[in-house]
Protein backbone atom coordinates (compact mmCIF):
# COMPACT_ATOMS: atom_id res chain seq x y z
CA MET A 1 88.60 -189.03 -98.94
CA PHE A 2 88.26 -188.33 -102.66
CA LYS A 3 87.76 -184.65 -101.97
CA GLN A 4 90.82 -184.53 -99.71
CA ARG A 5 92.93 -186.24 -102.37
CA GLY A 6 91.62 -183.99 -105.13
CA GLU A 7 90.02 -186.85 -107.03
CA LEU A 8 87.20 -184.78 -108.45
CA TRP A 9 85.72 -187.38 -110.76
CA GLU A 10 85.37 -189.89 -107.92
CA GLU A 11 83.97 -187.19 -105.64
CA ALA A 12 81.35 -186.38 -108.27
CA ARG A 13 80.40 -190.04 -108.64
CA CYS A 14 79.95 -190.33 -104.87
CA LEU A 15 77.85 -187.17 -104.76
CA ARG A 16 75.67 -188.46 -107.60
CA ALA A 17 75.23 -191.79 -105.81
CA ALA A 18 74.28 -189.97 -102.60
CA GLY A 19 71.65 -188.14 -104.61
CA GLU A 20 70.12 -191.39 -105.82
CA VAL A 21 69.34 -192.94 -102.43
CA GLY A 22 65.68 -191.99 -102.53
CA ASP A 23 65.28 -191.16 -98.84
CA PRO A 24 61.99 -189.22 -98.53
CA ASP A 25 63.35 -187.28 -95.55
CA ASN A 26 66.38 -186.03 -97.47
CA GLY A 27 65.03 -185.19 -100.92
CA LEU A 28 66.36 -181.63 -101.04
CA ARG A 29 69.76 -182.71 -99.76
CA GLU A 30 69.89 -185.45 -102.40
CA LEU A 31 69.05 -182.92 -105.11
CA ASP A 32 71.86 -180.69 -103.81
CA TYR A 33 74.33 -183.60 -104.03
CA VAL A 34 73.32 -184.22 -107.64
CA ARG A 35 73.68 -180.53 -108.53
CA ARG A 36 77.15 -180.41 -106.96
CA ALA A 37 78.14 -183.55 -108.88
CA GLU A 38 77.02 -181.96 -112.14
CA GLU A 39 79.05 -178.81 -111.46
CA ILE A 40 82.19 -180.90 -110.92
CA LEU A 41 81.61 -183.05 -114.00
CA ALA A 42 80.92 -180.00 -116.17
CA ALA A 43 84.14 -178.40 -114.95
CA LEU A 44 85.99 -181.61 -115.82
CA GLY A 45 84.46 -181.62 -119.32
CA ASP A 46 82.78 -184.99 -118.76
CA SER A 47 79.77 -184.67 -121.08
CA TRP A 48 78.62 -188.25 -120.49
CA GLY A 49 78.82 -187.71 -116.72
CA VAL A 50 76.80 -184.51 -117.03
CA ALA A 51 74.12 -186.32 -119.03
CA ARG A 52 74.08 -189.18 -116.51
CA THR A 53 73.72 -186.66 -113.69
CA ALA A 54 70.75 -185.05 -115.46
CA VAL A 55 69.03 -188.44 -115.10
CA SER A 56 69.75 -188.41 -111.37
CA ALA A 57 68.48 -184.83 -111.08
CA GLY A 58 65.29 -185.74 -112.93
CA ARG A 59 64.62 -188.67 -110.65
CA ALA A 60 65.38 -186.62 -107.51
CA LEU A 61 62.99 -183.91 -108.68
CA ALA A 62 60.30 -186.49 -109.42
CA ARG A 63 60.63 -187.87 -105.89
CA LEU A 64 60.07 -184.32 -104.64
CA GLY A 65 56.89 -184.06 -106.73
CA ARG A 66 58.43 -181.43 -109.02
CA ILE A 67 57.32 -183.18 -112.19
CA GLU A 68 57.78 -180.31 -114.67
CA GLU A 69 61.38 -179.78 -113.57
CA SER A 70 61.88 -183.53 -113.58
CA GLU A 71 60.66 -183.72 -117.16
CA GLN A 72 63.03 -180.91 -118.20
CA GLU A 73 66.03 -182.72 -116.70
CA LEU A 74 65.12 -186.11 -118.13
CA ARG A 75 64.49 -184.64 -121.59
CA ARG A 76 67.85 -182.85 -121.36
CA ALA A 77 69.42 -186.22 -120.57
CA VAL A 78 67.74 -187.77 -123.62
CA ARG A 79 69.09 -184.98 -125.87
CA GLU A 80 72.58 -185.22 -124.44
CA PHE A 81 72.69 -189.01 -124.73
CA ALA A 82 71.43 -188.67 -128.32
CA ASP A 83 74.34 -186.31 -129.03
CA LEU A 84 76.66 -188.91 -127.48
CA GLU A 85 74.97 -191.68 -129.51
CA ASP A 86 74.22 -193.62 -126.32
CA ARG A 87 70.88 -195.18 -127.16
CA TRP A 88 70.80 -197.41 -124.06
CA TRP A 89 70.86 -194.39 -121.74
CA MET A 90 68.40 -192.56 -124.01
CA ALA A 91 65.96 -195.42 -123.49
CA ARG A 92 66.58 -195.52 -119.77
CA SER A 93 66.02 -191.75 -119.48
CA LEU A 94 62.77 -192.03 -121.42
CA ARG A 95 61.65 -194.93 -119.23
CA TYR A 96 62.37 -192.90 -116.10
CA LEU A 97 60.41 -189.99 -117.59
CA GLY A 98 57.41 -192.22 -118.20
CA GLU A 99 57.70 -193.66 -114.72
CA ALA A 100 57.86 -190.16 -113.18
CA HIS A 101 54.64 -189.23 -114.98
CA LEU A 102 52.95 -192.44 -113.86
CA ASP A 103 53.97 -191.92 -110.24
CA ALA A 104 52.58 -188.38 -110.41
CA GLY A 105 49.27 -189.68 -111.78
CA GLY A 106 49.91 -188.64 -115.39
CA ARG A 107 49.13 -191.81 -117.29
CA GLY A 108 48.55 -189.98 -120.57
CA ALA A 109 51.86 -188.11 -120.39
CA ALA A 110 53.68 -191.35 -119.62
CA VAL A 111 52.73 -193.23 -122.78
CA ARG A 112 54.82 -191.41 -125.42
CA PRO A 113 58.20 -191.57 -123.62
CA LEU A 114 57.53 -195.19 -122.63
CA GLU A 115 56.74 -196.12 -126.23
CA GLN A 116 59.94 -194.39 -127.35
CA ALA A 117 61.92 -196.27 -124.70
CA ARG A 118 60.31 -199.56 -125.76
CA ASP A 119 61.25 -198.95 -129.40
CA ILE A 120 64.87 -198.17 -128.54
CA TYR A 121 65.16 -201.18 -126.22
CA ARG A 122 63.69 -203.36 -128.97
CA SER A 123 66.20 -202.04 -131.52
CA LEU A 124 69.02 -202.80 -129.08
CA GLY A 125 67.72 -206.28 -128.26
CA ASN A 126 67.57 -205.30 -124.57
CA GLU A 127 65.05 -207.75 -123.10
CA ALA A 128 65.35 -206.51 -119.49
CA GLY A 129 64.67 -202.91 -120.54
CA MET A 130 61.75 -204.08 -122.66
CA ARG A 131 60.21 -206.01 -119.75
CA ARG A 132 60.46 -203.05 -117.36
CA THR A 133 59.05 -200.67 -119.97
CA LEU A 134 56.18 -202.97 -120.92
CA GLU A 135 55.21 -203.23 -117.25
CA LEU A 136 55.09 -199.44 -117.05
CA LEU A 137 53.04 -199.29 -120.26
CA ARG A 138 50.56 -201.72 -118.67
CA ARG A 139 50.27 -199.35 -115.71
CA ALA A 140 49.69 -196.46 -118.12
CA ALA A 141 46.91 -198.25 -120.02
CA PRO A 142 43.30 -197.48 -119.13
CA GLY A 143 42.42 -199.75 -116.22
CA GLY A 144 46.11 -200.37 -115.50
CA SER A 145 47.25 -200.81 -111.93
CA ASP A 146 48.38 -197.68 -110.10
CA GLU A 147 50.46 -199.74 -107.70
CA ARG A 148 54.21 -199.45 -107.92
CA ARG A 149 55.98 -202.73 -108.13
CA PRO A 150 59.52 -203.10 -106.81
CA GLN A 151 62.24 -203.36 -109.44
């Protein structure tokens, strides 16, 4: 409907949401949705939307096991949110980066972005973000649990 009515921003938001489902059978399709959303948002000049879509792309790539590409997207999101002075989304992007490394078995690579996320959440007084990040840091610690816990 949004596409038919020419509501590009809403179409992009729907595409991004479709790319965040996390269906293991549709990972490539989800990545395609996210890429299409980013193209629309870039054409609209929505820099925050482009940064937000980089987060979605990073998570979609991580679900596909493409950790290096995932890291590139999530680090791009961190840089773009830093330029936009959006520290909350910087922290969230860093937390997702750490989580992607953990899920791929890279405990060592997970620690630095998780510590950065923790520090930003602390500076913002964001208790929920701190709790989620501390749980991931516990998983990253030597002897930490490799089990994923539902969020």
